[in-house]
């Protein structure tokens, strides 16, 4: 049984089928496809290795922005003030 458009909109994006994504507006379709592609890269990653993207000043304040150097997964750590 096919879900209604409202049910599709309330469903987490990684649980949508390609047919359901095709029913969304073009902007939402693009976003959903990007999310699914990023998820596939993260799942296929050989091992998450952080690559720092912040400054020394950021690190001194406890904020350590980083991304995996293989798949791009956000690995930011914010220890707070």
N, C-alpha and C. Protein backbone atom coordinates (compact mmCIF):
# COMPACT_ATOMS: atom_id res chain seq x y z
N UNK A 1 0.84 -1.18 0.00
CA UNK A 1 0.00 0.00 0.00
C UNK A 1 0.89 1.25 0.00
N UNK A 2 0.58 2.16 -0.87
CA UNK A 2 1.36 3.39 -1.02
C UNK A 2 0.96 4.38 0.07
N UNK A 3 1.95 5.06 0.62
CA UNK A 3 1.70 6.06 1.65
C UNK A 3 1.18 7.35 1.01
N UNK A 4 0.45 8.12 1.79
CA UNK A 4 0.00 9.42 1.31
C UNK A 4 1.18 10.38 1.32
N UNK A 5 1.05 11.50 0.62
CA UNK A 5 2.13 12.48 0.56
C UNK A 5 2.45 13.01 1.96
N UNK A 6 1.45 13.19 2.79
CA UNK A 6 1.67 13.66 4.16
C UNK A 6 2.46 12.63 4.97
N UNK A 7 2.15 11.35 4.80
CA UNK A 7 2.89 10.30 5.50
C UNK A 7 4.34 10.25 5.01
N UNK A 8 4.53 10.45 3.72
CA UNK A 8 5.88 10.46 3.16
C UNK A 8 6.68 11.61 3.75
N UNK A 9 6.08 12.77 3.87
CA UNK A 9 6.76 13.94 4.44
C UNK A 9 7.16 13.73 5.90
N UNK A 10 6.40 12.92 6.64
CA UNK A 10 6.70 12.67 8.06
C UNK A 10 7.65 11.49 8.27
N UNK A 11 7.98 10.77 7.21
CA UNK A 11 8.84 9.59 7.31
C UNK A 11 10.31 10.03 7.28
N UNK A 12 11.16 9.46 8.15
CA UNK A 12 12.59 9.78 8.08
C UNK A 12 13.14 9.50 6.68
N UNK A 13 13.96 10.41 6.19
CA UNK A 13 14.40 10.37 4.79
C UNK A 13 15.08 9.07 4.41
N UNK A 14 15.84 8.46 5.31
CA UNK A 14 16.55 7.22 4.97
C UNK A 14 15.62 6.03 4.84
N UNK A 15 14.37 6.19 5.24
CA UNK A 15 13.40 5.10 5.13
C UNK A 15 12.51 5.25 3.90
N UNK A 16 12.72 6.30 3.10
CA UNK A 16 11.90 6.51 1.91
C UNK A 16 12.44 5.69 0.74
N UNK A 17 11.53 5.20 -0.08
CA UNK A 17 11.92 4.51 -1.31
C UNK A 17 12.14 5.55 -2.40
N UNK A 18 12.78 5.15 -3.49
CA UNK A 18 12.99 6.07 -4.61
C UNK A 18 11.66 6.54 -5.19
N UNK A 19 10.67 5.67 -5.19
CA UNK A 19 9.34 6.03 -5.71
C UNK A 19 8.70 7.12 -4.83
N UNK A 20 8.87 6.99 -3.52
CA UNK A 20 8.31 7.98 -2.60
C UNK A 20 9.04 9.32 -2.73
N UNK A 21 10.35 9.27 -2.89
CA UNK A 21 11.12 10.50 -3.07
C UNK A 21 10.67 11.23 -4.33
N UNK A 22 10.35 10.48 -5.38
CA UNK A 22 9.92 11.08 -6.64
C UNK A 22 8.61 11.86 -6.50
N UNK A 23 7.84 11.60 -5.46
CA UNK A 23 6.57 12.32 -5.25
C UNK A 23 6.77 13.67 -4.57
N UNK A 24 7.96 13.90 -4.02
CA UNK A 24 8.23 15.15 -3.32
C UNK A 24 8.53 16.27 -4.31
N UNK A 25 8.52 17.52 -3.82
CA UNK A 25 8.86 18.64 -4.70
C UNK A 25 10.33 18.54 -5.08
N UNK A 26 10.77 19.18 -6.17
CA UNK A 26 12.15 19.04 -6.66
C UNK A 26 13.23 19.36 -5.62
N UNK A 27 13.04 20.39 -4.82
CA UNK A 27 14.03 20.74 -3.80
C UNK A 27 14.16 19.64 -2.74
N UNK A 28 13.03 19.09 -2.33
CA UNK A 28 13.04 18.00 -1.34
C UNK A 28 13.63 16.73 -1.92
N UNK A 29 13.38 16.47 -3.20
CA UNK A 29 13.96 15.30 -3.86
C UNK A 29 15.49 15.40 -3.84
N UNK A 30 16.01 16.57 -4.19
CA UNK A 30 17.45 16.77 -4.21
C UNK A 30 18.05 16.55 -2.82
N UNK A 31 17.40 17.13 -1.80
CA UNK A 31 17.88 17.00 -0.42
C UNK A 31 17.87 15.53 0.01
N UNK A 32 16.79 14.82 -0.27
CA UNK A 32 16.66 13.41 0.13
C UNK A 32 17.73 12.56 -0.55
N UNK A 33 17.99 12.82 -1.82
CA UNK A 33 19.01 12.04 -2.54
C UNK A 33 20.40 12.33 -2.00
N UNK A 34 20.68 13.59 -1.64
CA UNK A 34 21.98 13.93 -1.04
C UNK A 34 22.15 13.23 0.30
N UNK A 35 21.09 13.20 1.11
CA UNK A 35 21.15 12.53 2.42
C UNK A 35 21.41 11.04 2.26
N UNK A 36 20.73 10.40 1.33
CA UNK A 36 20.92 8.97 1.12
C UNK A 36 22.32 8.68 0.59
N UNK A 37 22.85 9.54 -0.29
CA UNK A 37 24.20 9.35 -0.83
C UNK A 37 25.24 9.50 0.28
N UNK A 38 25.07 10.52 1.15
CA UNK A 38 26.01 10.72 2.26
C UNK A 38 25.96 9.53 3.21
N UNK A 39 24.77 9.03 3.50
CA UNK A 39 24.63 7.87 4.37
C UNK A 39 25.35 6.66 3.78
N UNK A 40 25.21 6.45 2.47
CA UNK A 40 25.88 5.32 1.81
C UNK A 40 27.40 5.47 1.91
N UNK A 41 27.93 6.71 1.76
CA UNK A 41 29.37 6.93 1.89
C UNK A 41 29.83 6.62 3.31
N UNK A 42 29.04 7.04 4.31
CA UNK A 42 29.42 6.80 5.71
C UNK A 42 29.41 5.32 6.03
N UNK A 43 28.43 4.59 5.53
CA UNK A 43 28.34 3.15 5.79
C UNK A 43 29.51 2.41 5.13
N UNK A 44 29.93 2.86 3.95
CA UNK A 44 31.01 2.20 3.21
C UNK A 44 32.40 2.66 3.65
N UNK A 45 32.48 3.60 4.58
CA UNK A 45 33.76 4.16 5.01
C UNK A 45 34.64 3.07 5.62
N UNK A 46 35.94 3.04 5.23
CA UNK A 46 36.84 2.02 5.77
C UNK A 46 37.19 2.23 7.24
N UNK A 47 36.95 3.38 7.76
CA UNK A 47 37.24 3.67 9.17
C UNK A 47 37.27 5.18 9.34
N UNK A 48 36.43 5.69 10.20
CA UNK A 48 36.33 7.14 10.35
C UNK A 48 37.60 7.70 11.00
N UNK A 49 38.29 8.55 10.26
CA UNK A 49 39.49 9.21 10.75
C UNK A 49 39.27 10.71 10.68
N UNK A 50 39.24 11.38 11.84
CA UNK A 50 38.95 12.81 11.84
C UNK A 50 40.08 13.64 11.23
N UNK A 51 39.66 14.68 10.52
CA UNK A 51 40.58 15.65 9.95
C UNK A 51 40.11 17.01 10.45
N UNK A 52 40.92 17.67 11.26
CA UNK A 52 40.54 18.94 11.88
C UNK A 52 40.29 20.00 10.82
N UNK A 53 39.25 20.81 11.04
CA UNK A 53 38.93 21.89 10.11
C UNK A 53 38.86 23.23 10.81
N UNK A 54 39.17 23.26 12.10
CA UNK A 54 39.06 24.50 12.88
C UNK A 54 40.40 25.16 13.12
N UNK A 55 40.34 26.27 13.82
CA UNK A 55 41.54 27.03 14.16
C UNK A 55 42.02 26.67 15.56
N UNK A 56 43.21 27.09 15.86
CA UNK A 56 43.78 26.87 17.20
C UNK A 56 42.93 27.58 18.26
N UNK A 57 42.43 28.76 17.92
CA UNK A 57 41.58 29.52 18.85
C UNK A 57 40.29 28.74 19.16
N UNK A 58 39.69 28.15 18.16
CA UNK A 58 38.48 27.33 18.38
C UNK A 58 38.78 26.18 19.33
N UNK A 59 39.90 25.50 19.10
CA UNK A 59 40.28 24.36 19.94
C UNK A 59 40.52 24.81 21.37
N UNK A 60 41.10 25.97 21.54
CA UNK A 60 41.37 26.49 22.89
C UNK A 60 40.07 26.72 23.67
N UNK A 61 38.99 27.02 22.94
CA UNK A 61 37.69 27.24 23.58
C UNK A 61 36.87 25.96 23.69
N UNK A 62 37.42 24.83 23.27
CA UNK A 62 36.71 23.55 23.43
C UNK A 62 35.90 23.13 22.23
N UNK A 63 36.02 23.86 21.12
CA UNK A 63 35.26 23.51 19.92
C UNK A 63 36.24 22.95 18.90
N UNK A 64 36.03 21.69 18.50
CA UNK A 64 36.95 21.00 17.60
C UNK A 64 36.20 20.51 16.36
N UNK A 65 35.99 21.39 15.37
CA UNK A 65 35.30 20.94 14.15
C UNK A 65 36.19 19.97 13.38
N UNK A 66 35.59 18.90 12.88
CA UNK A 66 36.34 17.90 12.12
C UNK A 66 35.39 17.13 11.22
N UNK A 67 35.96 16.57 10.17
CA UNK A 67 35.23 15.70 9.25
C UNK A 67 36.09 14.47 9.01
N UNK A 68 35.44 13.36 8.71
CA UNK A 68 36.18 12.15 8.36
C UNK A 68 36.89 12.40 7.03
N UNK A 69 38.17 12.05 6.98
CA UNK A 69 38.92 12.32 5.75
C UNK A 69 38.55 11.36 4.62
N UNK A 70 37.81 10.30 4.92
CA UNK A 70 37.40 9.35 3.89
C UNK A 70 36.00 9.63 3.33
N UNK A 71 35.04 9.85 4.23
CA UNK A 71 33.64 9.94 3.78
C UNK A 71 32.99 11.30 4.02
N UNK A 72 33.62 12.16 4.79
CA UNK A 72 33.06 13.48 5.03
C UNK A 72 32.11 13.56 6.22
N UNK A 73 31.96 12.49 6.98
CA UNK A 73 31.05 12.49 8.13
C UNK A 73 31.50 13.58 9.13
N UNK A 74 30.53 14.31 9.67
CA UNK A 74 30.82 15.34 10.67
C UNK A 74 31.26 14.66 11.96
N UNK A 75 32.47 15.00 12.41
CA UNK A 75 33.01 14.41 13.64
C UNK A 75 33.38 15.51 14.64
N UNK A 76 32.63 16.61 14.58
CA UNK A 76 32.87 17.76 15.43
C UNK A 76 32.65 17.40 16.90
N UNK A 77 33.52 17.93 17.76
CA UNK A 77 33.38 17.76 19.22
C UNK A 77 33.31 19.14 19.82
N UNK A 78 32.30 19.36 20.64
CA UNK A 78 32.15 20.64 21.33
C UNK A 78 32.06 20.34 22.82
N UNK A 79 33.16 20.60 23.53
CA UNK A 79 33.18 20.29 24.95
C UNK A 79 32.54 21.39 25.79
N UNK A 80 32.13 22.46 25.15
CA UNK A 80 31.45 23.54 25.86
C UNK A 80 32.41 24.41 26.63
N UNK A 81 31.87 25.46 27.19
CA UNK A 81 32.69 26.41 27.96
C UNK A 81 32.61 26.12 29.43
